[in-house]
Amino acid sequence: MRFFIEISYNGRAYHGWQIQPEAISVQEVVEKALSTLLQDQIQVVGAGRTDAGVHAKQMFAHFDFEKSLDPNLVFRLNSYLPSDIAIHDIFEVHNDAHARFDAISRTYQYRVSTRKNVFSSEHAFMQYSPIDVSLMNTASAILLQYKDFQCFSKSNTNVKTYNCSIKEAKWQEHDNELIFVVTADRFLRNMVRAIVGTLINIGLGKVEVEQLHEIIKSKSRSEAGFSVPAHGLYLTDVNYPETIKIQV
């Protein structure tokens, strides 16, 4: 039987989601916990890969297990796992359901603090210079006009296509924070952080809004802006068709 598991984590202590040969990852910790409690060798497949230091308010993964699960498994996992990883739900899905390939969309948020805050310095990027949010939103709308985002991709990435369908891209203001929300069918490595750095340059007046067209068309990472730090980035939502679930 195949099961989906809903997870959230603070990525500060981890080298991303994906298992690394000589570094601790979220995937490794979750696999070890499941294997220990289920007394079987469990492998989990995530909805995607978050880089080192990136957080997830909602991540899904799937695993296979031939027996029925203990109804208290979520509680037992949360008791076993470290405090920076939480399990929210486990549910049975069809045997061909896939956490990565069946995802319809993914949403990320990037947090920028515009005022010194001792409680958010580890969870948001600090940007104290005056910044024009309206210009950044005008530029964000341009992203929806394109599909090829090679200019925002990490160099030497082994992917078959740089095409992504961005459905939403906007900045929101909340107290002394700016939050960039972006939804797409898929994301390239470092893509959100490079987009945010480019938009911040526009908001600071270092780059004109209309230059974004040329940056995207260039397909060159060197033409885009800086990559903002990982600690301000959150995977917040992963959507799937309802048909993947086993209806009880």
Protein backbone atom coordinates (compact mmCIF):
# COMPACT_ATOMS: atom_id res chain seq x y z
CA MET A 1 0.00 0.00 0.00
CA ARG A 2 1.13 3.56 -0.66
CA PHE A 3 0.76 6.38 1.83
CA PHE A 4 1.19 10.14 1.65
CA ILE A 5 2.70 11.90 4.64
CA GLU A 6 2.28 15.63 5.27
CA ILE A 7 5.32 17.26 6.87
CA SER A 8 6.53 20.67 7.98
CA TYR A 9 10.03 21.58 9.06
CA ASN A 10 12.39 24.35 10.03
CA GLY A 11 15.24 23.89 7.58
CA ARG A 12 17.90 25.76 9.53
CA ALA A 13 19.70 22.65 10.77
CA TYR A 14 19.42 20.66 7.55
CA HIS A 15 21.19 20.53 4.20
CA GLY A 16 17.88 20.53 2.38
CA TRP A 17 15.25 17.85 1.90
CA GLN A 18 17.26 15.45 -0.29
CA ILE A 19 19.52 12.83 1.29
CA GLN A 20 23.18 13.91 1.12
CA PRO A 21 26.21 11.60 1.41
CA GLU A 22 27.88 13.47 4.27
CA ALA A 23 25.28 15.93 5.58
CA ILE A 24 22.05 15.65 7.52
CA SER A 25 18.82 16.08 5.54
CA VAL A 26 15.11 16.13 6.37
CA GLN A 27 14.46 13.11 4.17
CA GLU A 28 17.04 11.06 6.05
CA VAL A 29 15.60 11.92 9.46
CA VAL A 30 12.03 11.11 8.37
CA GLU A 31 13.08 7.82 6.77
CA LYS A 32 14.93 6.73 9.89
CA ALA A 33 11.94 7.58 12.09
CA LEU A 34 9.49 5.65 9.89
CA SER A 35 11.85 2.69 9.57
CA THR A 36 12.31 2.51 13.33
CA LEU A 37 8.62 2.78 14.25
CA LEU A 38 7.37 0.51 11.45
CA GLN A 39 10.25 -1.94 11.92
CA ASP A 40 10.91 -2.05 8.20
CA GLN A 41 13.23 -0.35 5.73
CA ILE A 42 11.18 2.64 4.58
CA GLN A 43 12.10 4.99 1.76
CA VAL A 44 10.23 8.25 1.22
CA VAL A 45 9.88 10.25 -2.00
CA GLY A 46 9.30 13.97 -1.54
CA ALA A 47 7.18 16.41 -3.54
CA GLY A 48 10.35 18.27 -4.40
CA ARG A 49 13.73 19.34 -3.10
CA THR A 50 14.26 22.29 -0.81
CA ASP A 51 17.80 23.63 -0.55
CA ALA A 52 19.88 23.87 2.60
CA GLY A 53 18.29 26.21 5.14
CA VAL A 54 14.93 26.45 3.34
CA HIS A 55 11.80 25.77 5.38
CA ALA A 56 8.54 23.98 4.58
CA LYS A 57 5.18 24.77 6.11
CA GLN A 58 3.74 22.01 3.95
CA MET A 59 5.69 19.23 2.27
CA PHE A 60 4.34 15.89 1.10
CA ALA A 61 6.15 12.62 0.57
CA HIS A 62 5.04 9.08 -0.19
CA PHE A 63 6.18 5.70 1.08
CA ASP A 64 5.13 2.09 0.63
CA PHE A 65 4.23 -0.30 3.44
CA GLU A 66 2.53 -3.66 3.14
CA LYS A 67 0.58 -3.55 6.40
CA SER A 68 -2.10 -1.29 7.84
CA LEU A 69 -0.73 1.62 9.83
CA ASP A 70 -1.11 2.18 13.54
CA PRO A 71 -3.83 4.85 14.03
CA ASN A 72 -1.46 6.55 16.49
CA LEU A 73 1.47 6.69 14.06
CA VAL A 74 1.31 10.48 13.62
CA PHE A 75 1.50 10.96 17.40
CA ARG A 76 4.31 8.42 17.72
CA LEU A 77 6.32 10.01 14.92
CA ASN A 78 5.99 13.48 16.42
CA SER A 79 7.16 12.11 19.77
CA TYR A 80 10.15 10.48 18.10
CA LEU A 81 11.22 13.19 15.67
CA PRO A 82 13.23 16.30 16.66
CA SER A 83 11.33 19.49 17.47
CA ASP A 84 12.09 21.09 14.07
CA ILE A 85 10.19 18.43 12.06
CA ALA A 86 6.45 17.83 12.46
CA ILE A 87 4.07 15.29 10.93
CA HIS A 88 0.53 16.55 10.30
CA ASP A 89 -1.20 13.72 8.49
CA ILE A 90 -0.74 10.27 6.93
CA PHE A 91 -3.30 8.92 4.48
CA GLU A 92 -3.59 6.09 1.99
CA VAL A 93 -3.44 6.88 -1.72
CA HIS A 94 -3.70 4.84 -4.90
CA ASN A 95 -0.66 2.65 -5.55
CA ASP A 96 0.44 4.72 -8.56
CA ALA A 97 0.14 8.09 -6.80
CA HIS A 98 3.43 10.01 -6.73
CA ALA A 99 4.28 12.84 -4.35
CA ARG A 100 6.44 14.62 -6.91
CA PHE A 101 4.91 13.90 -10.30
CA ASP A 102 1.24 14.18 -9.30
CA ALA A 103 1.60 17.61 -7.71
CA ILE A 104 -0.48 20.16 -9.64
CA SER A 105 1.16 23.22 -8.15
CA ARG A 106 3.55 24.40 -5.47
CA THR A 107 3.57 27.71 -3.63
CA TYR A 108 6.55 29.41 -2.02
CA GLN A 109 6.73 32.48 0.15
CA TYR A 110 9.78 34.64 0.74
CA ARG A 111 9.87 36.91 3.79
CA VAL A 112 11.69 40.24 3.81
CA SER A 113 11.87 42.26 7.01
CA THR A 114 12.01 46.04 6.52
CA ARG A 115 12.69 46.82 10.15
CA LYS A 116 15.13 45.29 12.62
CA ASN A 117 13.32 42.56 14.53
CA VAL A 118 15.21 40.34 16.96
CA PHE A 119 12.53 37.65 16.64
CA SER A 120 12.61 37.34 12.85
CA SER A 121 16.29 37.78 11.99
CA GLU A 122 16.71 34.03 11.59
CA HIS A 123 13.49 33.60 9.59
CA ALA A 124 13.45 36.58 7.20
CA PHE A 125 15.89 38.51 5.02
CA MET A 126 16.69 41.94 6.44
CA GLN A 127 16.32 44.82 3.96
CA TYR A 128 16.29 48.24 5.60
CA SER A 129 16.76 50.50 2.55
CA PRO A 130 13.61 52.19 1.21
CA ILE A 131 12.02 49.85 -1.31
CA ASP A 132 9.21 50.46 -3.84
CA VAL A 133 6.71 47.59 -3.49
CA SER A 134 4.51 48.86 -6.34
CA LEU A 135 7.44 48.60 -8.76
CA MET A 136 8.16 45.06 -7.55
CA ASN A 137 4.53 44.07 -8.10
CA THR A 138 4.56 45.56 -11.59
CA ALA A 139 7.66 43.50 -12.34
CA SER A 140 6.14 40.39 -10.73
CA ALA A 141 3.26 40.52 -13.22
CA ILE A 142 5.79 40.29 -16.06
CA LEU A 143 6.82 36.83 -14.85
CA LEU A 144 3.41 35.47 -15.83
CA GLN A 145 4.13 36.35 -19.47
CA TYR A 146 7.01 33.87 -19.79
CA LYS A 147 7.67 30.14 -19.54
CA ASP A 148 11.45 29.78 -19.87
CA PHE A 149 13.19 30.81 -16.65
CA GLN A 150 16.72 29.62 -17.29
CA CYS A 151 18.04 33.01 -16.17
CA PHE A 152 16.85 32.25 -12.62
CA SER A 153 18.13 28.68 -12.50
CA LYS A 154 21.24 27.56 -10.68
CA SER A 155 24.05 26.97 -13.16
CA ASN A 156 25.01 23.44 -14.22
CA THR A 157 21.61 22.05 -13.28
CA ASN A 158 20.74 18.82 -15.04
CA VAL A 159 17.15 19.43 -16.17
CA LYS A 160 15.42 18.60 -19.46
CA THR A 161 13.56 21.91 -19.62
CA TYR A 162 13.66 25.32 -17.97
CA ASN A 163 9.96 25.87 -18.64
CA CYS A 164 7.68 26.60 -15.68
CA SER A 165 4.12 27.87 -15.63
CA ILE A 166 3.86 30.62 -13.02
CA LYS A 167 0.23 31.13 -11.99
CA GLU A 168 0.72 33.76 -9.28
CA ALA A 169 3.49 36.18 -8.33
CA LYS A 170 2.90 39.10 -6.00
CA TRP A 171 4.21 41.00 -3.00
CA GLN A 172 2.15 41.47 0.14
CA GLU A 173 2.82 43.92 2.97
CA HIS A 174 2.22 42.83 6.53
CA ASP A 175 3.36 44.99 9.46
CA ASN A 176 7.09 45.45 8.85
CA GLU A 177 7.44 42.56 6.47
CA LEU A 178 7.19 42.13 2.72
CA ILE A 179 6.12 38.65 1.62
CA PHE A 180 6.60 37.43 -1.93
CA VAL A 181 4.10 34.73 -2.92
CA VAL A 182 4.69 32.66 -6.04
CA THR A 183 2.80 29.62 -7.35
CA ALA A 184 3.84 27.45 -10.29
CA ASP A 185 3.55 23.93 -11.59
CA ARG A 186 7.27 23.41 -10.95
CA PHE A 187 10.36 25.36 -9.88
CA LEU A 188 14.00 25.24 -10.91
CA ARG A 189 16.83 25.06 -8.40
CA ASN A 190 17.41 28.45 -6.74
CA MET A 191 14.65 29.93 -8.92
CA VAL A 192 12.60 31.68 -6.23
CA ARG A 193 15.62 33.12 -4.47
CA ALA A 194 16.99 34.50 -7.76
CA ILE A 195 13.62 35.99 -8.70
CA VAL A 196 13.33 37.68 -5.30
CA GLY A 197 16.85 39.12 -5.55
CA THR A 198 16.07 40.50 -9.00
CA LEU A 199 12.77 42.03 -7.85
CA ILE A 200 14.46 43.61 -4.83
CA ASN A 201 16.97 45.26 -7.16
CA ILE A 202 14.01 46.68 -9.08
CA GLY A 203 12.39 47.89 -5.85
CA LEU A 204 15.66 49.57 -4.85
CA GLY A 205 15.87 51.36 -8.19
CA LYS A 206 18.99 49.50 -9.32
CA VAL A 207 17.16 47.88 -12.25
CA GLU A 208 14.30 49.26 -14.34
CA VAL A 209 11.06 47.28 -14.48
CA GLU A 210 11.21 46.89 -18.27
CA GLN A 211 14.71 45.42 -18.02
CA LEU A 212 13.15 42.27 -16.59
CA HIS A 213 12.01 41.31 -20.10
CA GLU A 214 15.61 41.38 -21.34
CA ILE A 215 16.88 39.52 -18.28
CA ILE A 216 14.42 36.66 -18.86
CA LYS A 217 15.08 36.55 -22.60
CA SER A 218 18.85 36.42 -22.02
CA LYS A 219 18.55 32.98 -20.36
CA SER A 220 21.71 33.93 -18.47
CA ARG A 221 21.98 33.62 -14.70
CA SER A 222 24.60 36.39 -14.67
CA GLU A 223 22.03 38.87 -16.02
CA ALA A 224 19.57 38.26 -13.15
CA GLY A 225 19.90 39.62 -9.64
CA PHE A 226 21.53 38.23 -6.52
CA SER A 227 20.23 35.14 -4.78
CA VAL A 228 18.62 36.04 -1.45
CA PRO A 229 19.53 33.90 1.60
CA ALA A 230 17.78 30.57 2.12
CA HIS A 231 16.45 31.28 5.62
CA GLY A 232 13.68 33.57 4.33
CA LEU A 233 12.20 30.98 1.95
CA TYR A 234 9.24 28.73 2.78
CA LEU A 235 7.46 26.04 0.80
CA THR A 236 3.90 26.73 1.94
CA ASP A 237 1.52 24.69 -0.20
CA VAL A 238 1.56 21.62 -2.46
CA ASN A 239 -1.66 20.77 -4.33
CA TYR A 240 -2.80 17.40 -5.67
CA PRO A 241 -5.92 16.15 -7.45
CA GLU A 242 -8.45 14.68 -5.04
CA THR A 243 -8.48 11.50 -7.12
CA ILE A 244 -5.16 10.30 -5.69
CA LYS A 245 -6.76 9.57 -2.31
CA ILE A 246 -8.39 6.29 -1.35
CA GLN A 247 -11.98 7.23 -0.60
CA VAL A 248 -13.15 5.68 2.65
